[in-house]
Amino acid sequence: MGPHHTNEQPTSDLQTVITGRFNNFACELTAMIESIQFGRLQFTGDEYKAMETASRDLAKIANNIADEVKALGKRRKAAVVAEGQKLLSQAESAKLGMMASQKPKSLVLFVRNMQLFFNPPGESKLDSPTVQKRKQLTRERCERLRGLAPDKIILWAAAFAPSIWDSNVLQKSTFDFVVEFLEPGNSLSWPPHIYGILNTLVTEQPLCQSSGFKEFLTAVQESVETGQKVTGSCSQKAQTQQTEVPDVDEGAQEVIERAFLVPPTKLDKLLKLHPQSTARHSIILTIPIVDRVATVLISIPREDAIRFGWESSLPVIFNASPQPTFVQSTSARLTLPQFDD
């Protein structure tokens, strides 16, 4: 079972592009090597030094790519994916529980993780080689977690005990898989209690001396402010749309009523068939309302099919007594057709 994707098509396209580029790079580099070997090239001293530097950088990049491809293969093994999915489900449950209870399931766990992320175990000459290696791996994982987005750090701290993501327990490929696919959600606002805990931690040992934790708190605050701005903007926009929609004047209302009274035998002169639905016949008309133009979509015979919008660029079937300012901006000056009963 592979990892879950919310958008399969773009992911598949990206995979195709990357595979194609890999093949193209390999062909280009092979051709370049042949040119260097047999092209009888004459470089200046500076040109040769530049090529030598670039070739060493390219060799490092090639090794990194090989390592990353190998690591990707490990992260996509069935056993790794299965274990990773279980941990992702655990994180999702922890998030839902925290949002419902307005606090982390375990305060001790949350605090311990935060302290570990930003104050990992240091080296000691008294440590055995095994302990030294374990501490080193813990520091590497903490560094990796500190590099995540603030919401991911908070979710990880609330969801996984240190014993779960310990290097002796959780293999690297599974750890990398969870880091890769951990998704707290967009525009997530954590319970106030969470922010209270973080603000307390920054005043106490050992995190009060951590510049990294202070930077993390700054990022958290910026994330909260950004979310509030987006939410406020959406609310204000919705409120503006609700309050600024004017009443339909009598002339426009008459047009709408007469459109519904068109004899069935004359509908072909008025209806615009939407290609998305052959079963629905609709007309689109523009109606001037005070200093604005309302675009109205009328579907017949469906009830309550009048919908107002402000997209004046939609196709015009007919206009209702256009105002002069509207006539000048409209390419087709159509009038209401007259139909016989």
Protein backbone atom coordinates (compact mmCIF):
# COMPACT_ATOMS: atom_id res chain seq x y z
CA MET A 1 0.00 0.00 0.00
CA GLY A 2 1.47 3.32 -1.03
CA PRO A 3 1.23 6.67 0.73
CA HIS A 4 -2.01 8.55 0.43
CA HIS A 5 -2.06 11.49 -1.97
CA THR A 6 -4.79 14.10 -2.12
CA ASN A 7 -4.00 14.87 -5.75
CA GLU A 8 -2.80 11.90 -7.75
CA GLN A 9 -2.59 13.53 -11.18
CA PRO A 10 -0.07 16.30 -10.35
CA THR A 11 2.02 13.78 -8.37
CA SER A 12 2.09 11.39 -11.34
CA ASP A 13 3.04 14.25 -13.65
CA LEU A 14 5.88 15.28 -11.33
CA GLN A 15 7.17 11.72 -11.21
CA THR A 16 7.17 11.57 -15.01
CA VAL A 17 9.01 14.89 -15.26
CA ILE A 18 11.68 13.88 -12.73
CA THR A 19 12.23 10.51 -14.38
CA GLY A 20 12.55 12.19 -17.78
CA ARG A 21 14.98 14.80 -16.47
CA PHE A 22 17.12 12.12 -14.84
CA ASN A 23 17.40 10.33 -18.16
CA ASN A 24 18.17 13.57 -19.99
CA PHE A 25 20.87 14.52 -17.49
CA ALA A 26 22.48 11.09 -17.81
CA CYS A 27 22.55 11.37 -21.62
CA GLU A 28 23.92 14.92 -21.52
CA LEU A 29 26.66 14.00 -19.06
CA THR A 30 27.65 10.97 -21.14
CA ALA A 31 27.90 13.16 -24.24
CA MET A 32 29.91 15.74 -22.27
CA ILE A 33 32.38 13.08 -21.12
CA GLU A 34 32.88 11.96 -24.72
CA SER A 35 33.47 15.56 -25.78
CA ILE A 36 36.11 15.98 -23.08
CA GLN A 37 37.79 12.72 -24.05
CA PHE A 38 37.76 13.05 -27.83
CA GLY A 39 36.85 16.67 -28.61
CA ARG A 40 40.46 17.95 -28.83
CA LEU A 41 39.45 20.82 -26.59
CA GLN A 42 41.93 23.59 -25.78
CA PHE A 43 41.12 25.41 -22.51
CA THR A 44 42.87 28.32 -20.90
CA GLY A 45 44.21 27.91 -17.39
CA ASP A 46 41.24 29.73 -15.86
CA GLU A 47 38.75 27.73 -17.94
CA TYR A 48 40.35 24.48 -16.84
CA LYS A 49 40.25 25.49 -13.16
CA ALA A 50 36.58 26.45 -13.50
CA MET A 51 35.76 23.09 -15.10
CA GLU A 52 37.72 21.24 -12.44
CA THR A 53 35.78 23.00 -9.65
CA ALA A 54 32.45 22.44 -11.38
CA SER A 55 33.22 18.75 -11.98
CA ARG A 56 33.98 18.20 -8.29
CA ASP A 57 30.71 19.89 -7.32
CA LEU A 58 28.89 17.78 -9.90
CA ALA A 59 30.41 14.60 -8.45
CA LYS A 60 29.17 15.53 -4.98
CA ILE A 61 25.69 16.28 -6.34
CA ALA A 62 25.64 12.96 -8.22
CA ASN A 63 26.51 11.10 -5.01
CA ASN A 64 23.78 12.97 -3.12
CA ILE A 65 21.23 12.12 -5.79
CA ALA A 66 22.19 8.45 -5.65
CA ASP A 67 21.86 8.48 -1.86
CA GLU A 68 18.46 10.22 -2.00
CA VAL A 69 17.10 7.81 -4.60
CA LYS A 70 18.26 4.89 -2.47
CA ALA A 71 16.64 6.43 0.62
CA LEU A 72 13.41 7.01 -1.32
CA GLY A 73 13.34 3.33 -2.28
CA LYS A 74 13.64 2.37 1.38
CA ARG A 75 10.82 4.76 2.40
CA ARG A 76 8.51 3.19 -0.16
CA LYS A 77 8.92 -0.40 0.95
CA ALA A 78 5.61 -1.97 1.94
CA ALA A 79 6.63 -2.59 5.56
CA VAL A 80 7.87 0.99 6.00
CA VAL A 81 4.73 2.45 4.44
CA ALA A 82 2.47 0.29 6.63
CA GLU A 83 4.25 1.30 9.83
CA GLY A 84 4.41 4.92 8.73
CA GLN A 85 0.70 5.00 7.99
CA LYS A 86 -0.04 3.74 11.50
CA LEU A 87 1.98 6.57 12.99
CA LEU A 88 0.29 9.11 10.74
CA SER A 89 -3.08 7.80 11.91
CA GLN A 90 -1.88 8.14 15.48
CA ALA A 91 -0.91 11.76 14.78
CA GLU A 92 -4.31 12.48 13.25
CA SER A 93 -6.07 11.01 16.28
CA ALA A 94 -3.89 13.07 18.60
CA LYS A 95 -4.75 16.22 16.66
CA LEU A 96 -8.49 15.54 16.74
CA GLY A 97 -8.36 14.72 20.45
CA MET A 98 -6.40 17.86 21.21
CA MET A 99 -8.82 20.04 19.25
CA ALA A 100 -11.77 18.42 21.03
CA SER A 101 -10.36 18.64 24.56
CA GLN A 102 -8.50 21.92 23.93
CA LYS A 103 -5.31 20.49 25.45
CA PRO A 104 -2.68 17.86 24.66
CA LYS A 105 -3.46 14.33 25.77
CA SER A 106 -0.31 14.32 27.89
CA LEU A 107 1.20 17.59 29.08
CA VAL A 108 4.33 15.76 30.28
CA LEU A 109 4.81 14.21 26.83
CA PHE A 110 4.32 17.53 25.03
CA VAL A 111 6.76 19.40 27.29
CA ARG A 112 9.33 16.60 27.17
CA ASN A 113 9.32 16.60 23.38
CA MET A 114 9.64 20.37 23.12
CA GLN A 115 12.57 20.34 25.52
CA LEU A 116 14.17 17.49 23.59
CA PHE A 117 13.72 19.16 20.19
CA PHE A 118 15.43 22.38 21.22
CA ASN A 119 17.78 21.03 23.91
CA PRO A 120 18.92 17.61 22.71
CA PRO A 121 21.39 15.55 24.77
CA GLY A 122 24.96 16.77 24.62
CA GLU A 123 28.20 14.85 24.43
CA SER A 124 30.01 13.51 27.45
CA LYS A 125 33.45 11.94 27.73
CA LEU A 126 31.96 9.47 30.16
CA ASP A 127 29.53 8.07 27.58
CA SER A 128 30.22 4.71 26.04
CA PRO A 129 30.56 4.53 22.23
CA THR A 130 27.07 3.09 22.05
CA VAL A 131 25.57 5.96 24.07
CA GLN A 132 27.54 8.50 22.07
CA LYS A 133 26.17 7.09 18.83
CA ARG A 134 22.63 7.08 20.18
CA LYS A 135 22.90 10.69 21.33
CA GLN A 136 24.29 11.70 17.96
CA LEU A 137 21.34 10.11 16.14
CA THR A 138 18.93 11.80 18.57
CA ARG A 139 20.54 15.17 17.88
CA GLU A 140 20.24 14.57 14.13
CA ARG A 141 16.56 13.74 14.44
CA CYS A 142 15.92 16.75 16.65
CA GLU A 143 17.61 18.94 14.07
CA ARG A 144 15.41 17.45 11.38
CA LEU A 145 12.26 18.09 13.44
CA ARG A 146 13.28 21.67 14.24
CA GLY A 147 13.41 22.29 10.50
CA LEU A 148 9.72 21.47 10.09
CA ALA A 149 6.91 24.02 9.93
CA PRO A 150 5.72 25.20 13.37
CA ASP A 151 2.40 23.34 13.14
CA LYS A 152 4.19 20.08 12.33
CA ILE A 153 6.51 20.52 15.31
CA ILE A 154 3.53 21.07 17.61
CA LEU A 155 1.69 18.06 16.22
CA TRP A 156 4.74 15.80 16.51
CA ALA A 157 5.29 16.91 20.11
CA ALA A 158 1.70 16.09 21.01
CA ALA A 159 1.46 12.80 19.10
CA PHE A 160 4.68 10.81 19.62
CA ALA A 161 6.49 9.96 22.82
CA PRO A 162 10.30 10.19 22.57
CA SER A 163 10.43 6.42 23.04
CA ILE A 164 8.48 6.00 19.80
CA TRP A 165 10.81 7.99 17.56
CA ASP A 166 13.99 6.92 19.34
CA SER A 167 16.63 5.79 16.84
CA ASN A 168 16.89 2.39 18.56
CA VAL A 169 13.15 1.83 18.04
CA LEU A 170 12.10 3.61 14.86
CA GLN A 171 14.24 2.95 11.81
CA LYS A 172 15.40 5.92 9.76
CA SER A 173 13.32 5.15 6.68
CA THR A 174 10.10 5.07 8.73
CA PHE A 175 11.06 8.24 10.59
CA ASP A 176 11.70 9.98 7.23
CA PHE A 177 8.38 8.68 5.87
CA VAL A 178 6.40 10.17 8.77
CA VAL A 179 8.26 13.47 8.51
CA GLU A 180 7.52 13.54 4.77
CA PHE A 181 3.78 12.92 5.03
CA LEU A 182 2.86 14.48 8.37
CA GLU A 183 0.11 17.03 7.64
CA PRO A 184 -1.47 19.08 10.45
CA GLY A 185 -3.85 20.75 7.98
CA ASN A 186 -4.11 24.20 6.44
CA SER A 187 -4.88 27.34 8.45
CA LEU A 188 -4.84 25.31 11.68
CA SER A 189 -5.39 27.24 14.91
CA TRP A 190 -4.33 25.32 17.98
CA PRO A 191 -6.16 25.57 21.33
CA PRO A 192 -5.11 28.61 23.39
CA HIS A 193 -3.75 26.26 26.06
CA ILE A 194 -1.05 25.10 23.61
CA TYR A 195 0.21 28.63 23.07
CA GLY A 196 0.11 29.17 26.84
CA ILE A 197 2.37 26.15 27.38
CA LEU A 198 4.85 27.38 24.79
CA ASN A 199 4.93 30.87 26.31
CA THR A 200 5.63 29.34 29.70
CA LEU A 201 8.42 27.09 28.43
CA VAL A 202 10.33 30.05 27.01
CA THR A 203 10.57 31.54 30.53
CA GLU A 204 11.89 28.40 32.19
CA GLN A 205 14.97 26.21 32.02
CA PRO A 206 16.22 24.77 29.78
CA LEU A 207 14.47 26.53 26.89
CA CYS A 208 14.78 30.07 28.21
CA GLN A 209 18.37 30.02 26.92
CA SER A 210 17.48 28.47 23.55
CA SER A 211 17.62 30.90 20.62
CA GLY A 212 16.14 28.19 18.43
CA PHE A 213 13.06 27.89 20.62
CA LYS A 214 12.60 31.67 20.61
CA GLU A 215 12.79 31.64 16.81
CA PHE A 216 10.23 28.84 16.81
CA LEU A 217 7.87 30.91 19.00
CA THR A 218 8.28 33.85 16.63
CA ALA A 219 7.37 31.61 13.69
CA VAL A 220 4.35 30.31 15.62
CA GLN A 221 3.17 33.86 16.31
CA GLU A 222 3.60 34.84 12.65
CA SER A 223 1.63 31.76 11.61
CA VAL A 224 -1.20 32.69 13.98
CA GLU A 225 -1.28 36.29 12.74
CA THR A 226 -1.31 35.13 9.12
CA GLY A 227 -4.20 32.77 9.84
CA GLN A 228 -6.14 35.55 11.56
CA LYS A 229 -5.61 37.88 8.60
CA VAL A 230 -6.82 35.25 6.14
CA THR A 231 -9.85 34.43 8.29
CA GLY A 232 -10.67 38.11 8.80
CA SER A 233 -10.28 38.85 5.11
CA CYS A 234 -12.63 36.01 4.14
CA SER A 235 -15.21 37.09 6.75
CA GLN A 236 -15.04 40.71 5.65
CA LYS A 237 -15.36 39.73 2.01
CA ALA A 238 -18.40 37.55 2.72
CA GLN A 239 -19.99 40.30 4.81
CA THR A 240 -19.33 42.87 2.06
CA GLN A 241 -20.90 40.63 -0.54
CA GLN A 242 -23.97 40.18 1.64
CA THR A 243 -24.42 43.87 2.43
CA GLU A 244 -23.61 45.31 -1.00
CA VAL A 245 -26.03 43.28 -3.13
CA PRO A 246 -28.64 45.85 -4.24
CA ASP A 247 -32.29 45.25 -4.83
CA VAL A 248 -33.46 44.39 -8.31
CA ASP A 249 -35.21 47.35 -9.93
CA GLU A 250 -38.68 46.98 -11.46
CA GLY A 251 -37.42 46.85 -15.04
CA ALA A 252 -35.04 44.02 -14.30
CA GLN A 253 -37.69 42.11 -12.39
CA GLU A 254 -40.02 42.42 -15.35
CA VAL A 255 -37.38 40.98 -17.65
CA ILE A 256 -36.92 37.98 -15.38
CA GLU A 257 -40.66 37.39 -15.15
CA ARG A 258 -41.15 37.68 -18.90
CA ALA A 259 -38.27 35.28 -19.49
CA PHE A 260 -40.17 32.65 -17.50
CA LEU A 261 -43.32 33.39 -19.48
CA VAL A 262 -41.74 32.63 -22.87
CA PRO A 263 -43.89 30.08 -24.77
CA PRO A 264 -42.29 26.65 -24.97
CA THR A 265 -42.35 26.78 -28.77
CA LYS A 266 -40.14 29.88 -28.73
CA LEU A 267 -37.54 28.70 -26.24
CA ASP A 268 -35.02 27.91 -28.96
CA LYS A 269 -34.72 31.64 -29.67
CA LEU A 270 -33.77 32.41 -26.09
CA LEU A 271 -32.07 29.44 -24.52
CA LYS A 272 -28.35 28.83 -24.35
CA LEU A 273 -27.59 25.15 -23.95
CA HIS A 274 -24.81 24.45 -21.42
CA PRO A 275 -22.42 21.75 -22.71
CA GLN A 276 -21.83 20.48 -19.17
CA SER A 277 -25.45 19.36 -18.87
CA THR A 278 -27.52 18.51 -21.92
CA ALA A 279 -30.55 18.02 -19.69
CA ARG A 280 -30.57 21.62 -18.53
CA HIS A 281 -31.57 24.55 -20.69
CA SER A 282 -30.40 27.92 -19.46
CA ILE A 283 -30.29 31.53 -20.47
CA ILE A 284 -27.79 34.10 -19.38
CA LEU A 285 -28.77 37.76 -19.26
CA THR A 286 -27.19 40.94 -17.95
CA ILE A 287 -29.28 43.39 -15.99
CA PRO A 288 -28.21 46.92 -14.97
CA ILE A 289 -28.92 47.58 -11.30
CA VAL A 290 -28.23 51.17 -10.27
CA ASP A 291 -24.52 51.63 -11.13
CA ARG A 292 -23.72 47.93 -11.42
CA VAL A 293 -24.46 45.11 -13.78
CA ALA A 294 -25.81 41.81 -12.47
CA THR A 295 -25.30 38.63 -14.45
CA VAL A 296 -28.29 36.34 -14.06
CA LEU A 297 -28.42 32.66 -14.95
CA ILE A 298 -31.94 31.30 -15.41
CA SER A 299 -32.46 27.57 -15.74
CA ILE A 300 -35.81 26.41 -17.03
CA PRO A 301 -37.85 24.67 -15.75
CA ARG A 302 -35.94 24.23 -12.47
CA GLU A 303 -37.33 26.31 -9.64
CA ASP A 304 -35.21 28.83 -7.76
CA ALA A 305 -32.75 28.91 -10.64
CA ILE A 306 -31.97 32.61 -10.58
CA ARG A 307 -28.45 33.17 -9.36
CA PHE A 308 -26.79 36.57 -9.18
CA GLY A 309 -23.10 37.18 -9.87
CA TRP A 310 -20.82 39.99 -10.92
CA GLU A 311 -19.03 38.43 -13.89
CA SER A 312 -20.05 40.88 -16.61
CA SER A 313 -17.91 39.05 -19.16
CA LEU A 314 -20.31 36.10 -19.35
CA PRO A 315 -22.19 35.61 -22.63
CA VAL A 316 -25.10 38.01 -23.10
CA ILE A 317 -28.40 36.74 -24.44
CA PHE A 318 -30.33 39.94 -23.94
CA ASN A 319 -30.19 43.13 -21.90
CA ALA A 320 -32.90 44.87 -19.95
CA SER A 321 -33.04 48.57 -20.86
CA PRO A 322 -29.29 49.09 -20.57
CA GLN A 323 -28.06 52.29 -19.02
CA PRO A 324 -25.77 54.42 -21.20
CA THR A 325 -22.63 53.58 -19.22
CA PHE A 326 -23.37 49.90 -19.65
CA VAL A 327 -24.11 50.15 -23.38
CA GLN A 328 -20.70 51.64 -24.05
CA SER A 329 -18.92 48.70 -22.44
CA THR A 330 -21.01 46.00 -24.11
CA SER A 331 -20.08 44.69 -27.53
CA ALA A 332 -23.56 43.46 -28.44
CA ARG A 333 -26.50 45.83 -27.89
CA LEU A 334 -29.30 43.33 -27.70
CA THR A 335 -32.83 43.98 -26.59
CA LEU A 336 -35.51 41.76 -25.17
CA PRO A 337 -37.01 39.64 -27.98
CA GLN A 338 -40.75 39.85 -28.55
CA PHE A 339 -42.63 36.57 -28.57
CA ASP A 340 -46.13 35.80 -29.68
CA ASP A 341 -48.37 33.81 -27.41
